[in-house]
Amino acid sequence: MTPTITLFYAGLSALILLGLSARVVALRRKHQVGIGTGAINTLERAVRAQANFTEYVPLALLLIALLELQGVAGAVVHALGALLVIGRVLHALGLNRSAGTSMGRLVGTVLTWLVLLAGGAAALGVALIQGLG
């Protein structure tokens, strides 16, 4: 079995990461900052949006892929993938607009954590049902 559903969400995630990375590069060029953020607020937010994406997405995609490989229903895999992508986009938009609290950051974080919680619980359940080998 090939995890084609996860492949789709991994592809979307790669494009989102490239967009976040391009924003960081553009802001560094604009403000002539070679490394770090130069204490420029917009650049700091862009760097954190990119970093936060890379902190959460790999484990979430791994969980989703492993669940798909274990034969978990495609609708569940799609739901987890869609929630992850939506959550990460909302979080990045919210953080790029404001360093303070925002609805985008809140909803994006909740959706991402929900994917990790549901994916982690499902992975544990599948592993326990299958007897851990």
N, C-alpha and C. Protein backbone atom coordinates (compact mmCIF):
# COMPACT_ATOMS: atom_id res chain seq x y z
N MET A 1 0.85 -1.19 0.00
CA MET A 1 0.00 0.00 0.00
C MET A 1 0.89 1.24 0.00
N THR A 2 0.57 2.18 -0.86
CA THR A 2 1.29 3.44 -0.94
C THR A 2 0.46 4.52 -0.26
N PRO A 3 1.07 5.32 0.60
CA PRO A 3 0.31 6.36 1.31
C PRO A 3 0.05 7.58 0.42
N THR A 4 -0.81 7.40 -0.59
CA THR A 4 -1.05 8.47 -1.57
C THR A 4 -1.81 9.65 -0.98
N ILE A 5 -2.66 9.41 0.01
CA ILE A 5 -3.38 10.53 0.63
C ILE A 5 -2.38 11.41 1.37
N THR A 6 -1.51 10.77 2.15
CA THR A 6 -0.49 11.53 2.88
C THR A 6 0.43 12.23 1.90
N LEU A 7 0.74 11.58 0.80
CA LEU A 7 1.60 12.19 -0.21
C LEU A 7 1.02 13.52 -0.69
N PHE A 8 -0.30 13.55 -0.87
CA PHE A 8 -0.97 14.78 -1.28
C PHE A 8 -0.77 15.89 -0.24
N TYR A 9 -0.99 15.57 1.04
CA TYR A 9 -0.85 16.59 2.10
C TYR A 9 0.61 16.96 2.35
N ALA A 10 1.52 16.02 2.14
CA ALA A 10 2.94 16.34 2.23
C ALA A 10 3.33 17.30 1.11
N GLY A 11 2.79 17.07 -0.08
CA GLY A 11 3.05 17.98 -1.19
C GLY A 11 2.54 19.38 -0.92
N LEU A 12 1.32 19.48 -0.41
CA LEU A 12 0.78 20.79 -0.04
C LEU A 12 1.65 21.45 1.03
N SER A 13 2.05 20.66 2.00
CA SER A 13 2.89 21.19 3.09
C SER A 13 4.22 21.71 2.56
N ALA A 14 4.80 21.00 1.60
CA ALA A 14 6.06 21.44 1.01
C ALA A 14 5.89 22.81 0.34
N LEU A 15 4.78 22.98 -0.36
CA LEU A 15 4.53 24.26 -1.03
C LEU A 15 4.31 25.38 -0.02
N ILE A 16 3.61 25.08 1.06
CA ILE A 16 3.41 26.08 2.11
C ILE A 16 4.74 26.47 2.73
N LEU A 17 5.58 25.48 3.02
CA LEU A 17 6.89 25.77 3.60
C LEU A 17 7.73 26.62 2.66
N LEU A 18 7.68 26.34 1.37
CA LEU A 18 8.41 27.17 0.42
C LEU A 18 7.90 28.61 0.43
N GLY A 19 6.58 28.78 0.55
CA GLY A 19 6.02 30.12 0.64
C GLY A 19 6.49 30.85 1.90
N LEU A 20 6.47 30.16 3.02
CA LEU A 20 6.94 30.76 4.27
C LEU A 20 8.43 31.09 4.19
N SER A 21 9.19 30.21 3.57
CA SER A 21 10.64 30.43 3.43
C SER A 21 10.93 31.60 2.49
N ALA A 22 10.17 31.70 1.41
CA ALA A 22 10.35 32.81 0.47
C ALA A 22 10.07 34.14 1.16
N ARG A 23 9.07 34.15 2.04
CA ARG A 23 8.77 35.38 2.79
C ARG A 23 9.95 35.78 3.67
N VAL A 24 10.55 34.81 4.35
CA VAL A 24 11.71 35.09 5.19
C VAL A 24 12.85 35.66 4.35
N VAL A 25 13.13 35.02 3.24
CA VAL A 25 14.22 35.46 2.37
C VAL A 25 13.94 36.87 1.86
N ALA A 26 12.72 37.13 1.43
CA ALA A 26 12.38 38.47 0.91
C ALA A 26 12.55 39.54 1.98
N LEU A 27 12.12 39.23 3.20
CA LEU A 27 12.26 40.21 4.28
C LEU A 27 13.72 40.40 4.68
N ARG A 28 14.50 39.35 4.65
CA ARG A 28 15.94 39.49 4.96
C ARG A 28 16.62 40.35 3.91
N ARG A 29 16.26 40.14 2.65
CA ARG A 29 16.85 40.96 1.58
C ARG A 29 16.41 42.42 1.72
N LYS A 30 15.13 42.61 1.98
CA LYS A 30 14.59 43.97 2.11
C LYS A 30 15.29 44.74 3.22
N HIS A 31 15.51 44.07 4.35
CA HIS A 31 16.09 44.74 5.51
C HIS A 31 17.59 44.50 5.64
N GLN A 32 18.18 43.84 4.65
CA GLN A 32 19.62 43.56 4.60
C GLN A 32 20.09 42.86 5.88
N VAL A 33 19.39 41.79 6.23
CA VAL A 33 19.75 40.98 7.39
C VAL A 33 20.24 39.63 6.88
N GLY A 34 21.51 39.33 7.15
CA GLY A 34 22.10 38.10 6.64
C GLY A 34 21.69 36.87 7.42
N ILE A 35 21.59 37.00 8.72
CA ILE A 35 21.20 35.88 9.57
C ILE A 35 20.43 36.43 10.76
N GLY A 36 19.53 35.63 11.28
CA GLY A 36 18.71 36.12 12.39
C GLY A 36 17.62 37.03 11.90
N THR A 37 17.21 37.94 12.77
CA THR A 37 16.08 38.80 12.43
C THR A 37 16.41 40.29 12.50
N GLY A 38 17.59 40.63 13.00
CA GLY A 38 17.95 42.04 13.10
C GLY A 38 16.99 42.85 13.94
N ALA A 39 16.27 42.18 14.84
CA ALA A 39 15.28 42.82 15.71
C ALA A 39 14.18 43.54 14.91
N ILE A 40 13.92 43.06 13.72
CA ILE A 40 12.85 43.61 12.87
C ILE A 40 11.61 42.76 13.09
N ASN A 41 10.57 43.39 13.60
CA ASN A 41 9.37 42.66 14.02
C ASN A 41 8.75 41.80 12.92
N THR A 42 8.60 42.35 11.74
CA THR A 42 7.98 41.56 10.67
C THR A 42 8.83 40.34 10.32
N LEU A 43 10.13 40.52 10.34
CA LEU A 43 11.04 39.41 10.05
C LEU A 43 11.01 38.38 11.18
N GLU A 44 10.95 38.84 12.41
CA GLU A 44 10.85 37.91 13.55
C GLU A 44 9.59 37.06 13.44
N ARG A 45 8.47 37.67 13.09
CA ARG A 45 7.23 36.91 12.95
C ARG A 45 7.31 35.92 11.79
N ALA A 46 7.91 36.34 10.69
CA ALA A 46 8.04 35.45 9.53
C ALA A 46 8.93 34.26 9.86
N VAL A 47 10.02 34.50 10.56
CA VAL A 47 10.92 33.41 10.95
C VAL A 47 10.21 32.45 11.89
N ARG A 48 9.45 32.98 12.83
CA ARG A 48 8.73 32.11 13.77
C ARG A 48 7.63 31.32 13.07
N ALA A 49 6.96 31.92 12.10
CA ALA A 49 5.92 31.20 11.36
C ALA A 49 6.55 30.03 10.60
N GLN A 50 7.69 30.29 9.97
CA GLN A 50 8.40 29.23 9.25
C GLN A 50 8.89 28.15 10.21
N ALA A 51 9.50 28.56 11.31
CA ALA A 51 10.05 27.60 12.27
C ALA A 51 8.94 26.79 12.93
N ASN A 52 7.85 27.45 13.28
CA ASN A 52 6.74 26.74 13.92
C ASN A 52 6.19 25.69 12.98
N PHE A 53 6.11 26.00 11.71
CA PHE A 53 5.65 25.04 10.71
C PHE A 53 6.56 23.82 10.72
N THR A 54 7.87 24.05 10.70
CA THR A 54 8.80 22.92 10.65
C THR A 54 8.86 22.15 11.97
N GLU A 55 8.42 22.74 13.04
CA GLU A 55 8.40 22.05 14.33
C GLU A 55 7.24 21.06 14.44
N TYR A 56 6.11 21.37 13.84
CA TYR A 56 4.92 20.55 13.99
C TYR A 56 4.62 19.62 12.82
N VAL A 57 4.85 20.07 11.62
CA VAL A 57 4.38 19.34 10.44
C VAL A 57 5.05 17.97 10.25
N PRO A 58 6.36 17.85 10.44
CA PRO A 58 6.96 16.52 10.17
C PRO A 58 6.36 15.39 11.01
N LEU A 59 6.21 15.58 12.31
CA LEU A 59 5.65 14.52 13.14
C LEU A 59 4.20 14.25 12.77
N ALA A 60 3.45 15.30 12.51
CA ALA A 60 2.04 15.12 12.14
C ALA A 60 1.94 14.33 10.84
N LEU A 61 2.74 14.66 9.83
CA LEU A 61 2.71 13.92 8.57
C LEU A 61 3.17 12.48 8.76
N LEU A 62 4.15 12.27 9.61
CA LEU A 62 4.60 10.90 9.89
C LEU A 62 3.47 10.07 10.50
N LEU A 63 2.79 10.64 11.48
CA LEU A 63 1.66 9.94 12.09
C LEU A 63 0.58 9.62 11.06
N ILE A 64 0.26 10.61 10.24
CA ILE A 64 -0.77 10.41 9.22
C ILE A 64 -0.36 9.32 8.24
N ALA A 65 0.90 9.35 7.80
CA ALA A 65 1.38 8.34 6.85
C ALA A 65 1.35 6.94 7.46
N LEU A 66 1.79 6.83 8.71
CA LEU A 66 1.79 5.52 9.35
C LEU A 66 0.37 4.99 9.53
N LEU A 67 -0.55 5.87 9.87
CA LEU A 67 -1.94 5.44 9.99
C LEU A 67 -2.48 4.98 8.64
N GLU A 68 -2.16 5.72 7.60
CA GLU A 68 -2.61 5.32 6.26
C GLU A 68 -2.02 3.96 5.88
N LEU A 69 -0.75 3.76 6.17
CA LEU A 69 -0.10 2.48 5.86
C LEU A 69 -0.71 1.32 6.66
N GLN A 70 -1.26 1.63 7.83
CA GLN A 70 -1.91 0.60 8.64
C GLN A 70 -3.34 0.34 8.21
N GLY A 71 -3.81 1.04 7.20
CA GLY A 71 -5.14 0.79 6.66
C GLY A 71 -6.26 1.56 7.33
N VAL A 72 -5.92 2.61 8.08
CA VAL A 72 -6.95 3.46 8.67
C VAL A 72 -7.77 4.08 7.54
N ALA A 73 -9.06 4.22 7.76
CA ALA A 73 -9.98 4.69 6.73
C ALA A 73 -9.48 5.97 6.06
N GLY A 74 -9.61 5.99 4.73
CA GLY A 74 -9.17 7.14 3.96
C GLY A 74 -9.80 8.45 4.41
N ALA A 75 -11.06 8.41 4.84
CA ALA A 75 -11.72 9.63 5.30
C ALA A 75 -11.04 10.19 6.55
N VAL A 76 -10.57 9.31 7.41
CA VAL A 76 -9.86 9.74 8.63
C VAL A 76 -8.52 10.37 8.24
N VAL A 77 -7.82 9.72 7.34
CA VAL A 77 -6.52 10.23 6.88
C VAL A 77 -6.70 11.59 6.21
N HIS A 78 -7.72 11.70 5.36
CA HIS A 78 -8.00 13.00 4.72
C HIS A 78 -8.34 14.07 5.76
N ALA A 79 -9.15 13.72 6.73
CA ALA A 79 -9.53 14.69 7.77
C ALA A 79 -8.30 15.19 8.51
N LEU A 80 -7.42 14.28 8.91
CA LEU A 80 -6.21 14.68 9.62
C LEU A 80 -5.32 15.55 8.74
N GLY A 81 -5.15 15.17 7.49
CA GLY A 81 -4.32 15.96 6.57
C GLY A 81 -4.90 17.34 6.32
N ALA A 82 -6.20 17.39 6.09
CA ALA A 82 -6.84 18.69 5.81
C ALA A 82 -6.78 19.60 7.03
N LEU A 83 -7.05 19.03 8.21
CA LEU A 83 -6.98 19.85 9.42
C LEU A 83 -5.57 20.37 9.66
N LEU A 84 -4.58 19.54 9.39
CA LEU A 84 -3.19 19.97 9.54
C LEU A 84 -2.87 21.14 8.62
N VAL A 85 -3.19 20.99 7.35
CA VAL A 85 -2.88 22.05 6.37
C VAL A 85 -3.65 23.33 6.71
N ILE A 86 -4.92 23.20 7.00
CA ILE A 86 -5.72 24.39 7.35
C ILE A 86 -5.16 25.04 8.61
N GLY A 87 -4.85 24.22 9.60
CA GLY A 87 -4.31 24.75 10.85
C GLY A 87 -3.00 25.48 10.67
N ARG A 88 -2.13 24.92 9.88
CA ARG A 88 -0.81 25.55 9.68
C ARG A 88 -0.93 26.83 8.87
N VAL A 89 -1.82 26.87 7.88
CA VAL A 89 -2.02 28.09 7.10
C VAL A 89 -2.61 29.18 7.99
N LEU A 90 -3.63 28.84 8.78
CA LEU A 90 -4.23 29.83 9.68
C LEU A 90 -3.21 30.37 10.68
N HIS A 91 -2.41 29.47 11.24
CA HIS A 91 -1.39 29.89 12.21
C HIS A 91 -0.39 30.84 11.56
N ALA A 92 0.11 30.49 10.38
CA ALA A 92 1.09 31.33 9.71
C ALA A 92 0.51 32.70 9.35
N LEU A 93 -0.73 32.72 8.87
CA LEU A 93 -1.36 34.00 8.54
C LEU A 93 -1.53 34.85 9.80
N GLY A 94 -1.99 34.23 10.87
CA GLY A 94 -2.18 34.96 12.11
C GLY A 94 -0.88 35.50 12.67
N LEU A 95 0.16 34.70 12.65
CA LEU A 95 1.44 35.13 13.20
C LEU A 95 2.10 36.18 12.32
N ASN A 96 1.96 36.07 11.01
CA ASN A 96 2.56 37.07 10.13
C ASN A 96 1.87 38.42 10.23
N ARG A 97 0.64 38.42 10.71
CA ARG A 97 -0.10 39.69 10.83
C ARG A 97 0.11 40.35 12.17
N SER A 98 0.36 39.56 13.23
CA SER A 98 0.47 40.13 14.56
C SER A 98 1.29 39.22 15.47
N ALA A 99 2.14 39.83 16.29
CA ALA A 99 2.91 39.06 17.27
C ALA A 99 2.04 38.72 18.48
N GLY A 100 0.95 39.41 18.63
CA GLY A 100 0.04 39.16 19.74
C GLY A 100 -0.92 38.03 19.43
N THR A 101 -1.89 37.87 20.29
CA THR A 101 -2.88 36.83 20.06
C THR A 101 -3.72 37.19 18.83
N SER A 102 -4.14 36.16 18.12
CA SER A 102 -5.01 36.38 16.97
C SER A 102 -5.85 35.12 16.78
N MET A 103 -6.97 35.28 16.12
CA MET A 103 -7.85 34.15 15.88
C MET A 103 -7.15 33.10 15.00
N GLY A 104 -6.39 33.56 14.01
CA GLY A 104 -5.67 32.63 13.15
C GLY A 104 -4.69 31.76 13.92
N ARG A 105 -3.92 32.40 14.79
CA ARG A 105 -2.95 31.63 15.60
C ARG A 105 -3.67 30.66 16.53
N LEU A 106 -4.74 31.13 17.16
CA LEU A 106 -5.47 30.27 18.10
C LEU A 106 -6.07 29.07 17.39
N VAL A 107 -6.83 29.32 16.34
CA VAL A 107 -7.49 28.22 15.63
C VAL A 107 -6.44 27.31 14.99
N GLY A 108 -5.40 27.89 14.42
CA GLY A 108 -4.35 27.09 13.81
C GLY A 108 -3.65 26.18 14.80
N THR A 109 -3.38 26.70 15.98
CA THR A 109 -2.75 25.89 17.02
C THR A 109 -3.67 24.78 17.48
N VAL A 110 -4.93 25.12 17.71
CA VAL A 110 -5.90 24.11 18.17
C VAL A 110 -6.04 22.99 17.13
N LEU A 111 -6.15 23.35 15.86
CA LEU A 111 -6.29 22.33 14.81
C LEU A 111 -5.04 21.44 14.73
N THR A 112 -3.88 22.06 14.82
CA THR A 112 -2.64 21.29 14.76
C THR A 112 -2.53 20.33 15.95
N TRP A 113 -2.83 20.83 17.14
CA TRP A 113 -2.78 19.98 18.32
C TRP A 113 -3.83 18.87 18.25
N LEU A 114 -4.98 19.18 17.67
CA LEU A 114 -6.02 18.17 17.51
C LEU A 114 -5.54 17.05 16.59
N VAL A 115 -4.85 17.40 15.52
CA VAL A 115 -4.29 16.40 14.62
C VAL A 115 -3.28 15.53 15.36
N LEU A 116 -2.41 16.16 16.14
CA LEU A 116 -1.42 15.39 16.90
C LEU A 116 -2.08 14.51 17.96
N LEU A 117 -3.07 15.04 18.62
CA LEU A 117 -3.78 14.26 19.65
C LEU A 117 -4.51 13.07 19.02
N ALA A 118 -5.30 13.34 18.00
CA ALA A 118 -6.07 12.27 17.34
C ALA A 118 -5.14 11.27 16.65
N GLY A 119 -4.13 11.78 15.96
CA GLY A 119 -3.19 10.91 15.28
C GLY A 119 -2.38 10.08 16.26
N GLY A 120 -1.94 10.69 17.34
CA GLY A 120 -1.19 9.96 18.36
C GLY A 120 -2.03 8.90 19.03
N ALA A 121 -3.26 9.26 19.39
CA ALA A 121 -4.16 8.29 20.03
C ALA A 121 -4.49 7.14 19.08
N ALA A 122 -4.76 7.47 17.83
CA ALA A 122 -5.06 6.42 16.85
C ALA A 122 -3.85 5.51 16.64
N ALA A 123 -2.67 6.09 16.58
CA ALA A 123 -1.46 5.29 16.40
C ALA A 123 -1.25 4.34 17.58
N LEU A 124 -1.44 4.85 18.78
CA LEU A 124 -1.34 3.99 19.97
C LEU A 124 -2.38 2.88 19.92
N GLY A 125 -3.59 3.24 19.57
CA GLY A 125 -4.66 2.24 19.49
C GLY A 125 -4.36 1.15 18.49
N VAL A 126 -3.92 1.55 17.29
CA VAL A 126 -3.60 0.57 16.26
C VAL A 126 -2.44 -0.32 16.72
N ALA A 127 -1.42 0.27 17.32
CA ALA A 127 -0.27 -0.52 17.78
C ALA A 127 -0.68 -1.50 18.87
N LEU A 128 -1.52 -1.06 19.80
CA LEU A 128 -1.95 -1.95 20.88
C LEU A 128 -2.86 -3.08 20.36
N ILE A 129 -3.73 -2.73 19.45
CA ILE A 129 -4.63 -3.74 18.87
C ILE A 129 -3.82 -4.79 18.11
N GLN A 130 -2.80 -4.36 17.43
CA GLN A 130 -1.98 -5.30 16.66
C GLN A 130 -0.93 -6.00 17.53
N GLY A 131 -0.92 -5.69 18.82
CA GLY A 131 -0.04 -6.40 19.75
C GLY A 131 1.41 -5.97 19.75
N LEU A 132 1.70 -4.80 19.23
CA LEU A 132 3.07 -4.26 19.21
C LEU A 132 4.07 -5.25 18.62
N GLY A 133 3.60 -6.01 17.65
CA GLY A 133 4.50 -6.91 16.93
C GLY A 133 4.56 -8.23 17.57
